Amino acid sequence: MLQVARLAPKILGEATELLTEFLRSQQNKDGGFRNRSQESDLYYTVFGLESLLAVNQPPRIDPSPFIASAGKNAHLDLVHLSSLARCQANLQTAPPGEWQMSFIPPSTDQKKDLTRRLESFRTSNGGYHALRGQKNGTAYGAFLALGAYQDLEQDLPSPNLLVQSLKDLETPDGAWANETVMSVGSTNATAAAVTLLRNLRQPIQQTAGEWILQRFHQQGGFRATPQAPIPDLLSTATAVHALAGLQYPLEKYTESCLDYIDTLWTNEGSFHGHWQEDFLDTEYTYYGLLALGHLSLFT
């Protein structure tokens, strides 16, 4: 994902500098990136760091102390545990001379402790859920867990069980839902399942890609569900990422998607999540970069 996001400046051009300044403005004094309550948050720090890496620019403040401090919290949920692993992986790949960080890579014992904590979110059916003690996993939980194990350079325990857990999330319309109680697929859950299965070298039915393509909106972008009235940036980014992974040609959709993303751009240096969203943050900045990176390959 980061490799593709690095291609976004090809389309952004001079606006890349504006985007960089926005990202740096999202750091608090402790080096963490702000959530929507303006508090430093590991989740938003992932998007801040990865976006800066994508545009090859260092942060304004060293984020290492915040990440180290936040990682000591024994009550981190699955989202923030996987965010911790991702932050550490990002700092390990950052250019040391330019970033001038005090980051110390996690030891083998620290990585094992983190994987132990990740496994506490394993579900009865072999998946992962944001809450402990659940029977069925979610597509999002599976995506986060696999990514965390990859970032920690550790083998995922019982990968076949994780693959089997995704069967419980398949929907009659040929997609995946995030929760077993849902009967209609969603773009983000389907993209997560497709990406996970591809990473685990599992076969993927062609209907999955066709289902995602059907979420394309006539004004550009992709919708989150069949019922969604308008497209959004998250669904657009995950859709093009999944379709690219499935090797679907995107030339037919490129111009309209670029036009759609342009309607979400603001001169503050970031992207709105959709047409009815006013808030700006590092998360949607990254989704914009991911989408633009993929689309740049077809311009």
C-alpha atoms as a PDB file:
ATOM      1  CA  MET A   1       0.000   0.000   0.000  1.00  0.00           C
ATOM      2  CA  LEU A   2       2.810   2.402   0.875  1.00  0.00           C
ATOM      3  CA  GLN A   3       4.652   1.520  -2.316  1.00  0.00           C
ATOM      4  CA  VAL A   4       1.608   2.534  -4.350  1.00  0.00           C
ATOM      5  CA  ALA A   5       0.911   5.661  -2.276  1.00  0.00           C
ATOM      6  CA  ARG A   6       4.430   6.876  -3.134  1.00  0.00           C
ATOM      7  CA  LEU A   7       3.217   7.338  -6.735  1.00  0.00           C
ATOM      8  CA  ALA A   8       0.581   9.922  -5.763  1.00  0.00           C
ATOM      9  CA  PRO A   9       2.883  12.991  -6.097  1.00  0.00           C
ATOM     10  CA  LYS A  10       2.949  12.272  -9.835  1.00  0.00           C
ATOM     11  CA  ILE A  11      -0.639  13.559  -9.911  1.00  0.00           C
ATOM     12  CA  LEU A  12      -0.473  15.993  -6.992  1.00  0.00           C
ATOM     13  CA  GLY A  13       2.453  17.902  -8.451  1.00  0.00           C
ATOM     14  CA  GLU A  14       3.050  21.192  -6.625  1.00  0.00           C
ATOM     15  CA  ALA A  15       0.134  20.430  -4.289  1.00  0.00           C
ATOM     16  CA  THR A  16       2.375  17.836  -2.623  1.00  0.00           C
ATOM     17  CA  GLU A  17       4.013  20.631  -0.624  1.00  0.00           C
ATOM     18  CA  LEU A  18       0.628  21.814   0.631  1.00  0.00           C
ATOM     19  CA  LEU A  19      -0.280  18.267   1.639  1.00  0.00           C
ATOM     20  CA  THR A  20       3.021  17.894   3.487  1.00  0.00           C
ATOM     21  CA  GLU A  21       2.364  21.027   5.511  1.00  0.00           C
ATOM     22  CA  PHE A  22      -1.114  19.787   6.409  1.00  0.00           C
ATOM     23  CA  LEU A  23       0.300  16.484   7.664  1.00  0.00           C
ATOM     24  CA  ARG A  24       2.913  18.233   9.784  1.00  0.00           C
ATOM     25  CA  SER A  25       0.228  20.506  11.239  1.00  0.00           C
ATOM     26  CA  GLN A  26      -1.585  17.425  12.532  1.00  0.00           C
ATOM     27  CA  GLN A  27       1.171  16.568  15.012  1.00  0.00           C
ATOM     28  CA  ASN A  28       0.790  17.413  18.685  1.00  0.00           C
ATOM     29  CA  LYS A  29       3.719  18.509  20.826  1.00  0.00           C
ATOM     30  CA  ASP A  30       4.364  14.909  21.913  1.00  0.00           C
ATOM     31  CA  GLY A  31       4.885  13.880  18.266  1.00  0.00           C
ATOM     32  CA  GLY A  32       1.659  11.919  17.911  1.00  0.00           C
ATOM     33  CA  PHE A  33      -0.878  12.712  15.202  1.00  0.00           C
ATOM     34  CA  ARG A  34      -4.294  14.014  16.186  1.00  0.00           C
ATOM     35  CA  ASN A  35      -7.553  12.146  16.126  1.00  0.00           C
ATOM     36  CA  ARG A  36     -10.866  13.946  15.715  1.00  0.00           C
ATOM     37  CA  SER A  37     -10.767  14.973  19.373  1.00  0.00           C
ATOM     38  CA  GLN A  38      -7.348  16.547  18.777  1.00  0.00           C
ATOM     39  CA  GLU A  39      -5.652  13.929  20.997  1.00  0.00           C
ATOM     40  CA  SER A  40      -2.538  12.027  19.941  1.00  0.00           C
ATOM     41  CA  ASP A  41      -3.641   8.628  18.692  1.00  0.00           C
ATOM     42  CA  LEU A  42      -1.676   5.612  17.434  1.00  0.00           C
ATOM     43  CA  TYR A  43      -4.289   4.961  14.757  1.00  0.00           C
ATOM     44  CA  TYR A  44      -4.019   8.436  13.250  1.00  0.00           C
ATOM     45  CA  THR A  45      -0.248   8.378  13.718  1.00  0.00           C
ATOM     46  CA  VAL A  46      -0.083   5.424  11.332  1.00  0.00           C
ATOM     47  CA  PHE A  47      -1.715   7.486   8.600  1.00  0.00           C
ATOM     48  CA  GLY A  48       0.377  10.545   9.372  1.00  0.00           C
ATOM     49  CA  LEU A  49       3.667   8.664   9.205  1.00  0.00           C
ATOM     50  CA  GLU A  50       2.743   6.607   6.177  1.00  0.00           C
ATOM     51  CA  SER A  51       1.530   9.659   4.281  1.00  0.00           C
ATOM     52  CA  LEU A  52       4.782  11.507   5.004  1.00  0.00           C
ATOM     53  CA  LEU A  53       6.763   8.470   3.888  1.00  0.00           C
ATOM     54  CA  ALA A  54       4.689   8.420   0.701  1.00  0.00           C
ATOM     55  CA  VAL A  55       5.681  12.005  -0.145  1.00  0.00           C
ATOM     56  CA  ASN A  56       9.243  11.445   1.101  1.00  0.00           C
ATOM     57  CA  GLN A  57       9.133  14.148   3.768  1.00  0.00           C
ATOM     58  CA  PRO A  58      10.019  13.944   7.493  1.00  0.00           C
ATOM     59  CA  PRO A  59       7.588  14.857  10.297  1.00  0.00           C
ATOM     60  CA  ARG A  60       7.820  18.143  12.170  1.00  0.00           C
ATOM     61  CA  ILE A  61       8.396  16.421  15.538  1.00  0.00           C
ATOM     62  CA  ASP A  62       9.986  13.073  16.365  1.00  0.00           C
ATOM     63  CA  PRO A  63       7.030  10.699  16.979  1.00  0.00           C
ATOM     64  CA  SER A  64       9.183   8.021  18.649  1.00  0.00           C
ATOM     65  CA  PRO A  65       8.562   9.041  22.303  1.00  0.00           C
ATOM     66  CA  PHE A  66       4.799   9.096  21.802  1.00  0.00           C
ATOM     67  CA  ILE A  67       4.776   5.702  20.097  1.00  0.00           C
ATOM     68  CA  ALA A  68       6.946   4.161  22.812  1.00  0.00           C
ATOM     69  CA  SER A  69       4.762   5.612  25.567  1.00  0.00           C
ATOM     70  CA  ALA A  70       1.463   4.624  23.928  1.00  0.00           C
ATOM     71  CA  GLY A  71       2.742   1.103  23.339  1.00  0.00           C
ATOM     72  CA  LYS A  72       3.097   0.542  27.080  1.00  0.00           C
ATOM     73  CA  ASN A  73      -0.663   0.782  27.535  1.00  0.00           C
ATOM     74  CA  ALA A  74      -1.747  -2.718  28.570  1.00  0.00           C
ATOM     75  CA  HIS A  75      -5.331  -2.056  27.477  1.00  0.00           C
ATOM     76  CA  LEU A  76      -4.821  -1.353  23.786  1.00  0.00           C
ATOM     77  CA  ASP A  77      -7.551  -2.792  21.580  1.00  0.00           C
ATOM     78  CA  LEU A  78      -6.917  -4.662  18.328  1.00  0.00           C
ATOM     79  CA  VAL A  79      -7.016  -1.486  16.239  1.00  0.00           C
ATOM     80  CA  HIS A  80      -4.397   0.264  18.354  1.00  0.00           C
ATOM     81  CA  LEU A  81      -2.237  -2.847  18.794  1.00  0.00           C
ATOM     82  CA  SER A  82      -2.023  -3.247  15.033  1.00  0.00           C
ATOM     83  CA  SER A  83      -1.420   0.502  14.758  1.00  0.00           C
ATOM     84  CA  LEU A  84       1.495   0.173  17.180  1.00  0.00           C
ATOM     85  CA  ALA A  85       3.049  -2.546  15.021  1.00  0.00           C
ATOM     86  CA  ARG A  86       2.521  -0.432  11.903  1.00  0.00           C
ATOM     87  CA  CYS A  87       4.040   2.678  13.461  1.00  0.00           C
ATOM     88  CA  GLN A  88       7.113   0.699  14.465  1.00  0.00           C
ATOM     89  CA  ALA A  89       7.438  -0.781  10.979  1.00  0.00           C
ATOM     90  CA  ASN A  90       7.115   2.659   9.403  1.00  0.00           C
ATOM     91  CA  LEU A  91       9.839   4.117  11.603  1.00  0.00           C
ATOM     92  CA  GLN A  92      12.136   1.202  10.828  1.00  0.00           C
ATOM     93  CA  THR A  93      11.854   1.951   7.102  1.00  0.00           C
ATOM     94  CA  ALA A  94      12.122   5.746   7.425  1.00  0.00           C
ATOM     95  CA  PRO A  95      15.288   7.461   6.132  1.00  0.00           C
ATOM     96  CA  PRO A  96      17.310   7.894   9.370  1.00  0.00           C
ATOM     97  CA  GLY A  97      19.314  10.888   8.223  1.00  0.00           C
ATOM     98  CA  GLU A  98      16.304  12.975   7.272  1.00  0.00           C
ATOM     99  CA  TRP A  99      13.937  11.946  10.047  1.00  0.00           C
ATOM    100  CA  GLN A 100      16.472  12.299  12.928  1.00  0.00           C
ATOM    101  CA  MET A 101      14.477  10.077  15.259  1.00  0.00           C
ATOM    102  CA  SER A 102      15.167   8.498  18.612  1.00  0.00           C
ATOM    103  CA  PHE A 103      13.272   5.356  17.618  1.00  0.00           C
ATOM    104  CA  ILE A 104      14.526   2.047  19.063  1.00  0.00           C
ATOM    105  CA  PRO A 105      13.281  -1.020  17.164  1.00  0.00           C
ATOM    106  CA  PRO A 106      11.299  -3.523  19.268  1.00  0.00           C
ATOM    107  CA  SER A 107      13.229  -6.485  20.614  1.00  0.00           C
ATOM    108  CA  THR A 108      12.323 -10.086  19.853  1.00  0.00           C
ATOM    109  CA  ASP A 109      10.699 -10.397  23.279  1.00  0.00           C
ATOM    110  CA  GLN A 110       8.675  -7.228  22.697  1.00  0.00           C
ATOM    111  CA  LYS A 111       7.467  -8.556  19.361  1.00  0.00           C
ATOM    112  CA  LYS A 112       6.438 -11.852  20.975  1.00  0.00           C
ATOM    113  CA  ASP A 113       4.575  -9.975  23.687  1.00  0.00           C
ATOM    114  CA  LEU A 114       2.727  -7.975  21.064  1.00  0.00           C
ATOM    115  CA  THR A 115       1.725 -11.115  19.160  1.00  0.00           C
ATOM    116  CA  ARG A 116       0.478 -12.636  22.419  1.00  0.00           C
ATOM    117  CA  ARG A 117      -1.714  -9.592  22.909  1.00  0.00           C
ATOM    118  CA  LEU A 118      -2.941  -9.834  19.332  1.00  0.00           C
ATOM    119  CA  GLU A 119      -3.969 -13.456  19.856  1.00  0.00           C
ATOM    120  CA  SER A 120      -6.198 -12.426  22.759  1.00  0.00           C
ATOM    121  CA  PHE A 121      -8.533 -11.033  20.079  1.00  0.00           C
ATOM    122  CA  ARG A 122      -8.782 -14.367  18.247  1.00  0.00           C
ATOM    123  CA  THR A 123     -12.324 -15.619  17.895  1.00  0.00           C
ATOM    124  CA  SER A 124     -13.810 -19.088  18.286  1.00  0.00           C
ATOM    125  CA  ASN A 125     -14.036 -19.542  14.503  1.00  0.00           C
ATOM    126  CA  GLY A 126     -10.358 -18.659  13.955  1.00  0.00           C
ATOM    127  CA  GLY A 127     -10.799 -15.021  12.953  1.00  0.00           C
ATOM    128  CA  TYR A 128     -10.133 -11.782  14.802  1.00  0.00           C
ATOM    129  CA  HIS A 129     -12.511  -9.277  16.332  1.00  0.00           C
ATOM    130  CA  ALA A 130     -12.011  -5.836  17.853  1.00  0.00           C
ATOM    131  CA  LEU A 131     -13.573  -7.181  21.055  1.00  0.00           C
ATOM    132  CA  ARG A 132     -12.240 -10.140  23.017  1.00  0.00           C
ATOM    133  CA  GLY A 133     -14.247 -13.304  23.576  1.00  0.00           C
ATOM    134  CA  GLN A 134     -16.253 -13.183  20.358  1.00  0.00           C
ATOM    135  CA  LYS A 135     -17.500 -16.207  18.434  1.00  0.00           C
ATOM    136  CA  ASN A 136     -17.013 -14.825  14.916  1.00  0.00           C
ATOM    137  CA  GLY A 137     -14.301 -12.616  13.494  1.00  0.00           C
ATOM    138  CA  THR A 138     -14.714  -9.620  11.216  1.00  0.00           C
ATOM    139  CA  ALA A 139     -13.139  -8.858   7.859  1.00  0.00           C
ATOM    140  CA  TYR A 140     -11.579  -5.732   9.333  1.00  0.00           C
ATOM    141  CA  GLY A 141     -10.198  -7.650  12.299  1.00  0.00           C
ATOM    142  CA  ALA A 142      -8.627 -10.241  10.003  1.00  0.00           C
ATOM    143  CA  PHE A 143      -7.062  -7.533   7.849  1.00  0.00           C
ATOM    144  CA  LEU A 144      -5.599  -5.762  10.894  1.00  0.00           C
ATOM    145  CA  ALA A 145      -4.232  -8.937  12.450  1.00  0.00           C
ATOM    146  CA  LEU A 146      -2.501 -10.192   9.312  1.00  0.00           C
ATOM    147  CA  GLY A 147      -0.996  -6.754   8.717  1.00  0.00           C
ATOM    148  CA  ALA A 148       0.297  -6.628  12.289  1.00  0.00           C
ATOM    149  CA  TYR A 149       1.970 -10.029  11.993  1.00  0.00           C
ATOM    150  CA  GLN A 150       3.592  -8.960   8.744  1.00  0.00           C
ATOM    151  CA  ASP A 151       4.811  -5.719  10.325  1.00  0.00           C
ATOM    152  CA  LEU A 152       6.252  -7.683  13.259  1.00  0.00           C
ATOM    153  CA  GLU A 153       7.889 -10.150  10.841  1.00  0.00           C
ATOM    154  CA  GLN A 154       6.163 -13.009  12.624  1.00  0.00           C
ATOM    155  CA  ASP A 155       4.244 -15.978  11.210  1.00  0.00           C
ATOM    156  CA  LEU A 156       0.477 -15.784  11.559  1.00  0.00           C
ATOM    157  CA  PRO A 157      -0.703 -18.711  13.730  1.00  0.00           C
ATOM    158  CA  SER A 158      -3.104 -21.117  11.994  1.00  0.00           C
ATOM    159  CA  PRO A 159      -3.617 -19.129   8.783  1.00  0.00           C
ATOM    160  CA  ASN A 160      -6.004 -21.782   7.440  1.00  0.00           C
ATOM    161  CA  LEU A 161      -8.368 -21.099  10.328  1.00  0.00           C
ATOM    162  CA  LEU A 162      -8.340 -17.419   9.446  1.00  0.00           C
ATOM    163  CA  VAL A 163      -9.182 -18.246   5.825  1.00  0.00           C
ATOM    164  CA  GLN A 164     -12.014 -20.512   6.961  1.00  0.00           C
ATOM    165  CA  SER A 165     -13.393 -17.755   9.192  1.00  0.00           C
ATOM    166  CA  LEU A 166     -13.881 -15.577   6.111  1.00  0.00           C
ATOM    167  CA  LYS A 167     -16.343 -18.156   4.761  1.00  0.00           C
ATOM    168  CA  ASP A 168     -18.723 -17.103   7.525  1.00  0.00           C
ATOM    169  CA  LEU A 169     -18.630 -13.541   6.170  1.00  0.00           C
ATOM    170  CA  GLU A 170     -19.451 -14.378   2.556  1.00  0.00           C
ATOM    171  CA  THR A 171     -22.758 -12.933   1.369  1.00  0.00           C
ATOM    172  CA  PRO A 172     -25.242 -14.287  -1.188  1.00  0.00           C
ATOM    173  CA  ASP A 173     -24.437 -11.412  -3.554  1.00  0.00           C
ATOM    174  CA  GLY A 174     -20.873 -12.681  -4.082  1.00  0.00           C
ATOM    175  CA  ALA A 175     -19.055 -10.381  -1.674  1.00  0.00           C
ATOM    176  CA  TRP A 176     -18.133 -10.242   2.017  1.00  0.00           C
ATOM    177  CA  ALA A 177     -19.717  -8.449   4.949  1.00  0.00           C
ATOM    178  CA  ASN A 178     -17.789  -7.212   7.950  1.00  0.00           C
ATOM    179  CA  GLU A 179     -20.059  -9.019  10.424  1.00  0.00           C
ATOM    180  CA  THR A 180     -21.852 -12.372  10.155  1.00  0.00           C
ATOM    181  CA  VAL A 181     -25.195 -10.718  10.942  1.00  0.00           C
ATOM    182  CA  MET A 182     -25.083  -8.789   7.659  1.00  0.00           C
ATOM    183  CA  SER A 183     -26.599 -10.348   4.543  1.00  0.00           C
ATOM    184  CA  VAL A 184     -25.342  -7.774   2.013  1.00  0.00           C
ATOM    185  CA  GLY A 185     -21.695  -7.240   1.176  1.00  0.00           C
ATOM    186  CA  SER A 186     -19.740  -4.020   1.666  1.00  0.00           C
ATOM    187  CA  THR A 187     -16.925  -2.590  -0.414  1.00  0.00           C
ATOM    188  CA  ASN A 188     -14.452  -2.216   2.432  1.00  0.00           C
ATOM    189  CA  ALA A 189     -15.076  -5.687   3.853  1.00  0.00           C
ATOM    190  CA  THR A 190     -14.815  -7.238   0.396  1.00  0.00           C
ATOM    191  CA  ALA A 191     -11.612  -5.340  -0.356  1.00  0.00           C
ATOM    192  CA  ALA A 192     -10.177  -6.467   2.995  1.00  0.00           C
ATOM    193  CA  ALA A 193     -11.080 -10.111   2.324  1.00  0.00           C
ATOM    194  CA  VAL A 194      -9.683  -9.989  -1.221  1.00  0.00           C
ATOM    195  CA  THR A 195      -6.416  -8.419  -0.048  1.00  0.00           C
ATOM    196  CA  LEU A 196      -6.082 -10.884   2.819  1.00  0.00           C
ATOM    197  CA  LEU A 197      -6.741 -13.930   0.633  1.00  0.00           C
ATOM    198  CA  ARG A 198      -4.307 -12.652  -1.972  1.00  0.00           C
ATOM    199  CA  ASN A 199      -1.601 -12.209   0.669  1.00  0.00           C
ATOM    200  CA  LEU A 200      -2.239 -15.732   1.927  1.00  0.00           C
ATOM    201  CA  ARG A 201      -2.072 -17.046  -1.667  1.00  0.00           C
ATOM    202  CA  GLN A 202      -5.637 -18.331  -1.637  1.00  0.00           C
ATOM    203  CA  PRO A 203      -7.913 -18.566  -4.700  1.00  0.00           C
ATOM    204  CA  ILE A 204     -10.392 -15.719  -5.162  1.00  0.00           C
ATOM    205  CA  GLN A 205     -13.565 -16.031  -7.211  1.00  0.00           C
ATOM    206  CA  GLN A 206     -13.909 -13.618 -10.116  1.00  0.00           C
ATOM    207  CA  THR A 207     -17.308 -12.559  -8.791  1.00  0.00           C
ATOM    208  CA  ALA A 208     -15.555 -10.599  -6.012  1.00  0.00           C
ATOM    209  CA  GLY A 209     -13.942  -8.182  -8.435  1.00  0.00           C
ATOM    210  CA  GLU A 210     -17.133  -7.881 -10.465  1.00  0.00           C
ATOM    211  CA  TRP A 211     -19.094  -7.072  -7.295  1.00  0.00           C
ATOM    212  CA  ILE A 212     -16.647  -4.269  -6.440  1.00  0.00           C
ATOM    213  CA  LEU A 213     -16.886  -2.858  -9.972  1.00  0.00           C
ATOM    214  CA  GLN A 214     -20.656  -2.684  -9.592  1.00  0.00           C
ATOM    215  CA  ARG A 215     -20.158  -0.227  -6.717  1.00  0.00           C
ATOM    216  CA  PHE A 216     -18.731   2.334  -9.139  1.00  0.00           C
ATOM    217  CA  HIS A 217     -20.700   5.575  -9.096  1.00  0.00           C
ATOM    218  CA  GLN A 218     -21.585   7.315 -12.351  1.00  0.00           C
ATOM    219  CA  GLN A 219     -20.026  10.560 -11.069  1.00  0.00           C
ATOM    220  CA  GLY A 220     -16.793   8.788 -10.130  1.00  0.00           C
ATOM    221  CA  GLY A 221     -15.600   6.974  -7.042  1.00  0.00           C
ATOM    222  CA  PHE A 222     -16.973   3.850  -5.395  1.00  0.00           C
ATOM    223  CA  ARG A 223     -19.856   3.396  -2.959  1.00  0.00           C
ATOM    224  CA  ALA A 224     -19.563   1.574   0.381  1.00  0.00           C
ATOM    225  CA  THR A 225     -22.624  -0.652  -0.176  1.00  0.00           C
ATOM    226  CA  PRO A 226     -25.204  -1.294  -2.900  1.00  0.00           C
ATOM    227  CA  GLN A 227     -27.603   0.986  -1.001  1.00  0.00           C
ATOM    228  CA  ALA A 228     -25.172   3.887  -0.466  1.00  0.00           C
ATOM    229  CA  PRO A 229     -26.379   6.960  -2.399  1.00  0.00           C
ATOM    230  CA  ILE A 230     -22.960   8.578  -2.914  1.00  0.00           C
ATOM    231  CA  PRO A 231     -19.341   7.428  -3.210  1.00  0.00           C
ATOM    232  CA  ASP A 232     -16.726   8.025  -0.532  1.00  0.00           C
ATOM    233  CA  LEU A 233     -12.943   8.251  -0.482  1.00  0.00           C
ATOM    234  CA  LEU A 234     -12.324   5.235   1.769  1.00  0.00           C
ATOM    235  CA  SER A 235     -14.385   2.934  -0.436  1.00  0.00           C
ATOM    236  CA  THR A 236     -12.731   4.373  -3.543  1.00  0.00           C
ATOM    237  CA  ALA A 237      -9.234   3.763  -2.166  1.00  0.00           C
ATOM    238  CA  THR A 238      -9.955   0.217  -0.971  1.00  0.00           C
ATOM    239  CA  ALA A 239     -11.828  -0.636  -4.168  1.00  0.00           C
ATOM    240  CA  VAL A 240      -9.028   0.395  -6.531  1.00  0.00           C
ATOM    241  CA  HIS A 241      -6.471  -1.303  -4.250  1.00  0.00           C
ATOM    242  CA  ALA A 242      -8.377  -4.580  -4.313  1.00  0.00           C
ATOM    243  CA  LEU A 243      -9.077  -4.372  -8.046  1.00  0.00           C
ATOM    244  CA  ALA A 244      -5.411  -3.641  -8.773  1.00  0.00           C
ATOM    245  CA  GLY A 245      -4.474  -6.684  -6.688  1.00  0.00           C
ATOM    246  CA  LEU A 246      -6.870  -8.755  -8.778  1.00  0.00           C
ATOM    247  CA  GLN A 247      -5.233  -7.274 -11.901  1.00  0.00           C
ATOM    248  CA  TYR A 248      -8.395  -5.624 -13.181  1.00  0.00           C
ATOM    249  CA  PRO A 249      -7.633  -2.891 -15.743  1.00  0.00           C
ATOM    250  CA  LEU A 250      -8.733   0.456 -14.340  1.00  0.00           C
ATOM    251  CA  GLU A 251      -8.323   2.664 -17.424  1.00  0.00           C
ATOM    252  CA  LYS A 252     -12.084   2.911 -17.921  1.00  0.00           C
ATOM    253  CA  TYR A 253     -12.561   4.332 -14.412  1.00  0.00           C
ATOM    254  CA  THR A 254      -9.452   6.464 -14.030  1.00  0.00           C
ATOM    255  CA  GLU A 255     -10.592   9.843 -15.366  1.00  0.00           C
ATOM    256  CA  SER A 256     -13.910   9.878 -13.523  1.00  0.00           C
ATOM    257  CA  CYS A 257     -12.270   8.710 -10.281  1.00  0.00           C
ATOM    258  CA  LEU A 258      -9.640  11.432 -10.559  1.00  0.00           C
ATOM    259  CA  ASP A 259     -12.379  13.990 -11.132  1.00  0.00           C
ATOM    260  CA  TYR A 260     -14.231  12.678  -8.081  1.00  0.00           C
ATOM    261  CA  ILE A 261     -11.151  12.841  -5.855  1.00  0.00           C
ATOM    262  CA  ASP A 262     -10.522  16.375  -7.088  1.00  0.00           C
ATOM    263  CA  THR A 263     -13.949  17.388  -5.746  1.00  0.00           C
ATOM    264  CA  LEU A 264     -12.794  16.232  -2.288  1.00  0.00           C
ATOM    265  CA  TRP A 265      -9.493  18.133  -2.359  1.00  0.00           C
ATOM    266  CA  THR A 266      -9.153  21.290  -0.285  1.00  0.00           C
ATOM    267  CA  ASN A 267      -6.543  24.025  -0.400  1.00  0.00           C
ATOM    268  CA  GLU A 268      -5.786  23.182   3.222  1.00  0.00           C
ATOM    269  CA  GLY A 269      -3.804  20.252   1.820  1.00  0.00           C
ATOM    270  CA  SER A 270      -6.070  17.282   2.429  1.00  0.00           C
ATOM    271  CA  PHE A 271      -9.203  15.480   1.259  1.00  0.00           C
ATOM    272  CA  HIS A 272     -12.737  15.346   2.583  1.00  0.00           C
ATOM    273  CA  GLY A 273     -14.060  11.827   3.164  1.00  0.00           C
ATOM    274  CA  HIS A 274     -17.088  12.439   0.938  1.00  0.00           C
ATOM    275  CA  TRP A 275     -19.244  15.269  -0.360  1.00  0.00           C
ATOM    276  CA  GLN A 276     -21.045  15.709   2.955  1.00  0.00           C
ATOM    277  CA  GLU A 277     -17.923  15.587   5.149  1.00  0.00           C
ATOM    278  CA  ASP A 278     -16.212  18.767   6.343  1.00  0.00           C
ATOM    279  CA  PHE A 279     -13.573  17.328   8.681  1.00  0.00           C
ATOM    280  CA  LEU A 280      -9.960  16.811   7.568  1.00  0.00           C
ATOM    281  CA  ASP A 281      -7.510  14.365   9.115  1.00  0.00           C
ATOM    282  CA  THR A 282      -4.479  12.187   8.381  1.00  0.00           C
ATOM    283  CA  GLU A 283      -6.621   9.108   7.721  1.00  0.00           C
ATOM    284  CA  TYR A 284      -8.383  10.516   4.685  1.00  0.00           C
ATOM    285  CA  THR A 285      -5.192  12.183   3.519  1.00  0.00           C
ATOM    286  CA  TYR A 286      -3.714   8.715   3.248  1.00  0.00           C
ATOM    287  CA  TYR A 287      -6.770   7.280   1.474  1.00  0.00           C
ATOM    288  CA  GLY A 288      -6.395  10.057  -1.073  1.00  0.00           C
ATOM    289  CA  LEU A 289      -2.744   9.186  -1.619  1.00  0.00           C
ATOM    290  CA  LEU A 290      -3.510   5.470  -1.948  1.00  0.00           C
ATOM    291  CA  ALA A 291      -6.240   6.066  -4.528  1.00  0.00           C
ATOM    292  CA  LEU A 292      -4.162   8.566  -6.508  1.00  0.00           C
ATOM    293  CA  GLY A 293      -1.172   6.239  -6.461  1.00  0.00           C
ATOM    294  CA  HIS A 294      -3.117   3.434  -8.117  1.00  0.00           C
ATOM    295  CA  LEU A 295      -4.805   5.736 -10.614  1.00  0.00           C
ATOM    296  CA  SER A 296      -1.475   7.306 -11.576  1.00  0.00           C
ATOM    297  CA  LEU A 297      -0.539   4.035 -13.232  1.00  0.00           C
ATOM    298  CA  PHE A 298      -3.261   4.598 -15.816  1.00  0.00           C
ATOM    299  CA  THR A 299      -2.652   8.258 -16.661  1.00  0.00           C
END
